[in-house]
Amino acid sequence: MGILRTCPFCGGEARMVNVEMAGCSYATCTICHAQSDDATQGRVQAAWNRRACLVKLAFMNADATPKNTTVEVASEAVPDVMAWYGAYFAGDRYTVAADGRNVPMDQNGEPKAWPPNPAS
């Protein structure tokens, strides 16, 4: 059995649990009790140890309180988070930066292109 990385949620120690009657395993955190889906040990280890590429989104909203909000999300979740923010704060004057770079938005507050072109 390979090594499990620490918990992606709390940093706690992870351990592999074997369910012999079902013929599968799952990973679980000894602190917060987060757990993976059940599968073979190799698949569980690969899924548990995989980490998403995080993007820091900074929303600067002239019409809201607080004016600045920052969240870290997986890169693939950026369009959904921006769509939610755009719907929730419809009509507000705001801009969004991803990892310090301005994100061009359409009229609905969704990114015009994601991921952004690195040359722009």
N, C-alpha and C. Protein backbone atom coordinates (compact mmCIF):
# COMPACT_ATOMS: atom_id res chain seq x y z
N MET A 1 0.83 -1.18 0.00
CA MET A 1 0.00 0.00 0.00
C MET A 1 0.88 1.24 0.00
N GLY A 2 0.47 2.24 -0.78
CA GLY A 2 1.24 3.47 -0.87
C GLY A 2 0.94 4.43 0.28
N ILE A 3 1.55 5.57 0.22
CA ILE A 3 1.41 6.58 1.26
C ILE A 3 0.27 7.51 0.91
N LEU A 4 -0.57 7.83 1.90
CA LEU A 4 -1.64 8.81 1.72
C LEU A 4 -1.15 10.17 2.19
N ARG A 5 -1.46 11.20 1.42
CA ARG A 5 -1.14 12.56 1.84
C ARG A 5 -2.07 12.95 2.98
N THR A 6 -1.74 14.07 3.63
CA THR A 6 -2.60 14.57 4.70
C THR A 6 -3.96 14.96 4.14
N CYS A 7 -4.91 15.15 5.01
CA CYS A 7 -6.28 15.50 4.61
C CYS A 7 -6.28 16.83 3.85
N PRO A 8 -6.96 16.89 2.70
CA PRO A 8 -7.00 18.13 1.94
C PRO A 8 -7.87 19.20 2.60
N PHE A 9 -8.65 18.84 3.61
CA PHE A 9 -9.56 19.79 4.25
C PHE A 9 -8.99 20.36 5.55
N CYS A 10 -8.40 19.49 6.39
CA CYS A 10 -7.93 19.98 7.69
C CYS A 10 -6.44 19.74 7.93
N GLY A 11 -5.80 18.96 7.06
CA GLY A 11 -4.38 18.67 7.24
C GLY A 11 -4.10 17.50 8.18
N GLY A 12 -5.17 16.84 8.63
CA GLY A 12 -5.01 15.71 9.55
C GLY A 12 -4.42 14.48 8.87
N GLU A 13 -4.03 13.52 9.69
CA GLU A 13 -3.47 12.27 9.17
C GLU A 13 -4.57 11.45 8.52
N ALA A 14 -4.25 10.85 7.38
CA ALA A 14 -5.21 10.01 6.68
C ALA A 14 -4.83 8.55 6.86
N ARG A 15 -5.83 7.68 6.79
CA ARG A 15 -5.57 6.25 6.86
C ARG A 15 -6.48 5.53 5.88
N MET A 16 -6.03 4.37 5.43
CA MET A 16 -6.79 3.54 4.51
C MET A 16 -7.62 2.55 5.32
N VAL A 17 -8.89 2.43 4.98
CA VAL A 17 -9.79 1.48 5.63
C VAL A 17 -10.16 0.43 4.60
N ASN A 18 -9.92 -0.83 4.93
CA ASN A 18 -10.27 -1.94 4.05
C ASN A 18 -11.60 -2.54 4.49
N VAL A 19 -12.53 -2.64 3.56
CA VAL A 19 -13.83 -3.26 3.83
C VAL A 19 -13.79 -4.63 3.18
N GLU A 20 -13.34 -5.62 3.94
CA GLU A 20 -13.10 -6.95 3.38
C GLU A 20 -14.35 -7.60 2.82
N MET A 21 -15.48 -7.47 3.48
CA MET A 21 -16.70 -8.11 2.99
C MET A 21 -17.15 -7.54 1.65
N ALA A 22 -16.89 -6.25 1.43
CA ALA A 22 -17.28 -5.62 0.16
C ALA A 22 -16.15 -5.67 -0.86
N GLY A 23 -14.96 -6.01 -0.42
CA GLY A 23 -13.82 -6.09 -1.33
C GLY A 23 -13.35 -4.75 -1.84
N CYS A 24 -13.47 -3.73 -1.00
CA CYS A 24 -13.03 -2.39 -1.41
C CYS A 24 -12.37 -1.68 -0.23
N SER A 25 -11.91 -0.48 -0.50
CA SER A 25 -11.24 0.34 0.52
C SER A 25 -11.70 1.78 0.38
N TYR A 26 -11.42 2.58 1.41
CA TYR A 26 -11.61 4.02 1.31
C TYR A 26 -10.61 4.70 2.23
N ALA A 27 -10.31 5.98 1.94
CA ALA A 27 -9.41 6.76 2.77
C ALA A 27 -10.26 7.64 3.67
N THR A 28 -9.78 7.86 4.89
CA THR A 28 -10.49 8.72 5.82
C THR A 28 -9.50 9.53 6.64
N CYS A 29 -9.94 10.71 7.06
CA CYS A 29 -9.12 11.58 7.90
C CYS A 29 -9.37 11.23 9.36
N THR A 30 -8.30 11.14 10.14
CA THR A 30 -8.44 10.79 11.56
C THR A 30 -8.90 11.98 12.40
N ILE A 31 -8.92 13.19 11.82
CA ILE A 31 -9.33 14.38 12.56
C ILE A 31 -10.76 14.80 12.20
N CYS A 32 -11.00 15.16 10.93
CA CYS A 32 -12.31 15.68 10.53
C CYS A 32 -13.23 14.61 9.94
N HIS A 33 -12.70 13.41 9.74
CA HIS A 33 -13.46 12.25 9.26
C HIS A 33 -13.95 12.39 7.81
N ALA A 34 -13.34 13.28 7.04
CA ALA A 34 -13.63 13.32 5.61
C ALA A 34 -13.23 11.97 5.04
N GLN A 35 -13.93 11.52 4.01
CA GLN A 35 -13.55 10.24 3.43
C GLN A 35 -13.76 10.24 1.93
N SER A 36 -13.01 9.36 1.29
CA SER A 36 -13.08 9.21 -0.15
C SER A 36 -14.22 8.26 -0.52
N ASP A 37 -14.49 8.17 -1.80
CA ASP A 37 -15.39 7.12 -2.29
C ASP A 37 -14.67 5.79 -2.13
N ASP A 38 -15.41 4.71 -2.14
CA ASP A 38 -14.76 3.41 -2.01
C ASP A 38 -14.42 2.84 -3.38
N ALA A 39 -13.28 2.18 -3.44
CA ALA A 39 -12.77 1.59 -4.67
C ALA A 39 -11.60 0.68 -4.29
N THR A 40 -10.80 0.30 -5.30
CA THR A 40 -9.60 -0.46 -5.00
C THR A 40 -8.61 0.44 -4.28
N GLN A 41 -7.67 -0.14 -3.56
CA GLN A 41 -6.69 0.67 -2.82
C GLN A 41 -5.94 1.63 -3.73
N GLY A 42 -5.53 1.17 -4.89
CA GLY A 42 -4.77 2.02 -5.81
C GLY A 42 -5.59 3.22 -6.27
N ARG A 43 -6.84 3.01 -6.60
CA ARG A 43 -7.71 4.12 -7.04
C ARG A 43 -8.01 5.08 -5.90
N VAL A 44 -8.23 4.53 -4.72
CA VAL A 44 -8.49 5.38 -3.56
C VAL A 44 -7.28 6.26 -3.28
N GLN A 45 -6.09 5.66 -3.28
CA GLN A 45 -4.88 6.43 -3.01
C GLN A 45 -4.70 7.53 -4.05
N ALA A 46 -4.88 7.21 -5.33
CA ALA A 46 -4.70 8.21 -6.39
C ALA A 46 -5.70 9.35 -6.23
N ALA A 47 -6.96 9.02 -5.92
CA ALA A 47 -7.98 10.06 -5.78
C ALA A 47 -7.72 10.92 -4.54
N TRP A 48 -7.37 10.29 -3.42
CA TRP A 48 -7.12 11.03 -2.18
C TRP A 48 -5.92 11.96 -2.31
N ASN A 49 -4.88 11.50 -2.98
CA ASN A 49 -3.65 12.28 -3.09
C ASN A 49 -3.69 13.36 -4.16
N ARG A 50 -4.68 13.33 -5.04
CA ARG A 50 -4.80 14.34 -6.10
C ARG A 50 -5.29 15.65 -5.47
N ARG A 51 -4.68 16.76 -5.87
CA ARG A 51 -5.08 18.08 -5.37
C ARG A 51 -5.45 18.96 -6.56
N ALA A 52 -6.51 19.71 -6.39
CA ALA A 52 -6.95 20.62 -7.45
C ALA A 52 -6.00 21.81 -7.54
N CYS A 53 -5.91 22.38 -8.73
CA CYS A 53 -5.16 23.61 -8.94
C CYS A 53 -6.04 24.75 -8.44
N LEU A 54 -5.62 25.43 -7.38
CA LEU A 54 -6.43 26.48 -6.78
C LEU A 54 -6.15 27.84 -7.41
N VAL A 55 -7.21 28.62 -7.53
CA VAL A 55 -7.14 29.98 -8.07
C VAL A 55 -7.70 30.91 -7.00
N LYS A 56 -7.01 32.01 -6.74
CA LYS A 56 -7.49 33.01 -5.79
C LYS A 56 -8.32 34.03 -6.56
N LEU A 57 -9.63 34.05 -6.29
CA LEU A 57 -10.53 35.02 -6.92
C LEU A 57 -10.74 36.17 -5.96
N ALA A 58 -10.54 37.39 -6.45
CA ALA A 58 -10.77 38.59 -5.65
C ALA A 58 -11.89 39.39 -6.31
N PHE A 59 -12.99 39.55 -5.58
CA PHE A 59 -14.12 40.34 -6.05
C PHE A 59 -14.04 41.71 -5.41
N MET A 60 -13.98 42.77 -6.23
CA MET A 60 -13.96 44.14 -5.73
C MET A 60 -15.28 44.77 -6.14
N ASN A 61 -16.16 45.01 -5.15
CA ASN A 61 -17.53 45.45 -5.41
C ASN A 61 -17.75 46.81 -4.77
N ALA A 62 -17.96 47.83 -5.61
CA ALA A 62 -18.14 49.19 -5.12
C ALA A 62 -19.46 49.36 -4.38
N ASP A 63 -20.44 48.47 -4.63
CA ASP A 63 -21.78 48.64 -4.08
C ASP A 63 -22.11 47.70 -2.92
N ALA A 64 -21.19 46.87 -2.49
CA ALA A 64 -21.49 45.88 -1.45
C ALA A 64 -20.64 46.12 -0.20
N THR A 65 -21.05 45.47 0.86
CA THR A 65 -20.28 45.47 2.09
C THR A 65 -20.08 44.01 2.47
N PRO A 66 -18.87 43.52 2.61
CA PRO A 66 -17.60 44.22 2.43
C PRO A 66 -17.31 44.50 0.96
N LYS A 67 -16.47 45.47 0.72
CA LYS A 67 -16.14 45.88 -0.65
C LYS A 67 -15.29 44.83 -1.36
N ASN A 68 -14.41 44.16 -0.63
CA ASN A 68 -13.50 43.17 -1.22
C ASN A 68 -13.72 41.81 -0.57
N THR A 69 -13.85 40.80 -1.42
CA THR A 69 -14.01 39.42 -0.97
C THR A 69 -13.05 38.55 -1.75
N THR A 70 -12.33 37.69 -1.05
CA THR A 70 -11.38 36.79 -1.71
C THR A 70 -11.72 35.36 -1.33
N VAL A 71 -11.73 34.49 -2.35
CA VAL A 71 -11.96 33.07 -2.13
C VAL A 71 -10.96 32.28 -2.96
N GLU A 72 -10.60 31.09 -2.48
CA GLU A 72 -9.77 30.18 -3.26
C GLU A 72 -10.64 29.03 -3.72
N VAL A 73 -10.65 28.79 -5.03
CA VAL A 73 -11.48 27.74 -5.61
C VAL A 73 -10.66 26.94 -6.61
N ALA A 74 -11.12 25.73 -6.91
CA ALA A 74 -10.49 24.93 -7.95
C ALA A 74 -10.68 25.64 -9.28
N SER A 75 -9.69 25.56 -10.13
CA SER A 75 -9.73 26.25 -11.42
C SER A 75 -10.99 25.95 -12.21
N GLU A 76 -11.41 24.68 -12.20
CA GLU A 76 -12.60 24.32 -12.98
C GLU A 76 -13.88 24.89 -12.39
N ALA A 77 -13.87 25.37 -11.14
CA ALA A 77 -15.06 25.93 -10.51
C ALA A 77 -15.19 27.44 -10.72
N VAL A 78 -14.17 28.09 -11.28
CA VAL A 78 -14.19 29.54 -11.44
C VAL A 78 -15.42 30.03 -12.20
N PRO A 79 -15.78 29.47 -13.37
CA PRO A 79 -16.96 29.97 -14.06
C PRO A 79 -18.24 29.86 -13.23
N ASP A 80 -18.41 28.78 -12.48
CA ASP A 80 -19.60 28.61 -11.65
C ASP A 80 -19.64 29.61 -10.51
N VAL A 81 -18.50 29.84 -9.85
CA VAL A 81 -18.44 30.80 -8.75
C VAL A 81 -18.71 32.21 -9.28
N MET A 82 -18.13 32.54 -10.41
CA MET A 82 -18.37 33.87 -10.99
C MET A 82 -19.83 34.03 -11.42
N ALA A 83 -20.44 32.98 -11.96
CA ALA A 83 -21.86 33.05 -12.35
C ALA A 83 -22.73 33.27 -11.11
N TRP A 84 -22.42 32.56 -10.01
CA TRP A 84 -23.19 32.76 -8.78
C TRP A 84 -23.04 34.19 -8.29
N TYR A 85 -21.81 34.69 -8.22
CA TYR A 85 -21.57 36.05 -7.73
C TYR A 85 -22.31 37.05 -8.60
N GLY A 86 -22.24 36.86 -9.93
CA GLY A 86 -22.91 37.76 -10.86
C GLY A 86 -24.42 37.77 -10.67
N ALA A 87 -25.01 36.60 -10.39
CA ALA A 87 -26.45 36.54 -10.15
C ALA A 87 -26.82 37.16 -8.80
N TYR A 88 -26.02 36.88 -7.78
CA TYR A 88 -26.32 37.37 -6.44
C TYR A 88 -26.17 38.89 -6.35
N PHE A 89 -25.15 39.43 -7.02
CA PHE A 89 -24.88 40.87 -6.97
C PHE A 89 -25.24 41.55 -8.28
N ALA A 90 -26.29 41.06 -8.94
CA ALA A 90 -26.73 41.64 -10.22
C ALA A 90 -26.97 43.14 -10.05
N GLY A 91 -26.44 43.90 -10.97
CA GLY A 91 -26.61 45.35 -10.94
C GLY A 91 -25.50 46.09 -10.21
N ASP A 92 -24.70 45.38 -9.42
CA ASP A 92 -23.60 46.03 -8.71
C ASP A 92 -22.45 46.32 -9.67
N ARG A 93 -21.63 47.29 -9.27
CA ARG A 93 -20.42 47.61 -10.03
C ARG A 93 -19.26 46.87 -9.38
N TYR A 94 -18.75 45.83 -10.06
CA TYR A 94 -17.66 45.07 -9.48
C TYR A 94 -16.72 44.56 -10.57
N THR A 95 -15.52 44.22 -10.13
CA THR A 95 -14.52 43.60 -11.00
C THR A 95 -14.03 42.33 -10.30
N VAL A 96 -13.41 41.45 -11.08
CA VAL A 96 -12.89 40.20 -10.54
C VAL A 96 -11.46 40.01 -11.03
N ALA A 97 -10.60 39.59 -10.12
CA ALA A 97 -9.22 39.25 -10.48
C ALA A 97 -8.98 37.80 -10.08
N ALA A 98 -8.31 37.06 -10.94
CA ALA A 98 -7.92 35.69 -10.66
C ALA A 98 -6.40 35.66 -10.54
N ASP A 99 -5.92 35.31 -9.37
CA ASP A 99 -4.47 35.31 -9.10
C ASP A 99 -3.84 36.64 -9.50
N GLY A 100 -4.54 37.73 -9.21
CA GLY A 100 -4.02 39.07 -9.44
C GLY A 100 -4.22 39.63 -10.84
N ARG A 101 -4.82 38.86 -11.74
CA ARG A 101 -5.04 39.32 -13.12
C ARG A 101 -6.53 39.55 -13.34
N ASN A 102 -6.88 40.70 -13.96
CA ASN A 102 -8.27 41.02 -14.24
C ASN A 102 -8.91 39.95 -15.12
N VAL A 103 -10.15 39.58 -14.79
CA VAL A 103 -10.90 38.59 -15.57
C VAL A 103 -11.98 39.33 -16.36
N PRO A 104 -11.88 39.38 -17.70
CA PRO A 104 -12.94 40.01 -18.48
C PRO A 104 -14.25 39.23 -18.33
N MET A 105 -15.35 39.98 -18.11
CA MET A 105 -16.65 39.34 -17.86
C MET A 105 -17.66 39.74 -18.93
N ASP A 106 -18.65 38.87 -19.12
CA ASP A 106 -19.77 39.22 -20.00
C ASP A 106 -20.82 39.97 -19.16
N GLN A 107 -21.95 40.31 -19.75
CA GLN A 107 -22.98 41.09 -19.06
C GLN A 107 -23.62 40.34 -17.89
N ASN A 108 -23.45 39.02 -17.82
CA ASN A 108 -24.00 38.22 -16.72
C ASN A 108 -23.01 38.01 -15.58
N GLY A 109 -21.81 38.56 -15.71
CA GLY A 109 -20.80 38.38 -14.67
C GLY A 109 -20.00 37.10 -14.81
N GLU A 110 -20.15 36.40 -15.93
CA GLU A 110 -19.40 35.17 -16.15
C GLU A 110 -18.14 35.49 -16.95
N PRO A 111 -17.07 34.71 -16.77
CA PRO A 111 -15.84 35.00 -17.52
C PRO A 111 -16.06 34.82 -19.02
N LYS A 112 -15.50 35.75 -19.80
CA LYS A 112 -15.62 35.63 -21.26
C LYS A 112 -14.86 34.42 -21.78
N ALA A 113 -13.76 34.08 -21.14
CA ALA A 113 -12.98 32.91 -21.52
C ALA A 113 -12.32 32.36 -20.24
N TRP A 114 -12.45 31.06 -20.05
CA TRP A 114 -11.76 30.44 -18.92
C TRP A 114 -11.29 29.07 -19.33
N PRO A 115 -10.02 28.73 -19.09
CA PRO A 115 -9.01 29.58 -18.45
C PRO A 115 -8.58 30.72 -19.36
N PRO A 116 -8.07 31.79 -18.78
CA PRO A 116 -7.67 32.94 -19.60
C PRO A 116 -6.47 32.62 -20.47
N ASN A 117 -6.35 33.36 -21.54
CA ASN A 117 -5.21 33.22 -22.44
C ASN A 117 -3.98 33.77 -21.72
N PRO A 118 -2.92 32.97 -21.55
CA PRO A 118 -1.75 33.43 -20.79
C PRO A 118 -1.06 34.63 -21.43
N ALA A 119 -1.24 34.82 -22.73
CA ALA A 119 -0.58 35.93 -23.42
C ALA A 119 -1.30 37.25 -23.20
N SER A 120 -2.56 37.21 -22.71
CA SER A 120 -3.30 38.46 -22.57
C SER A 120 -2.98 39.18 -21.29
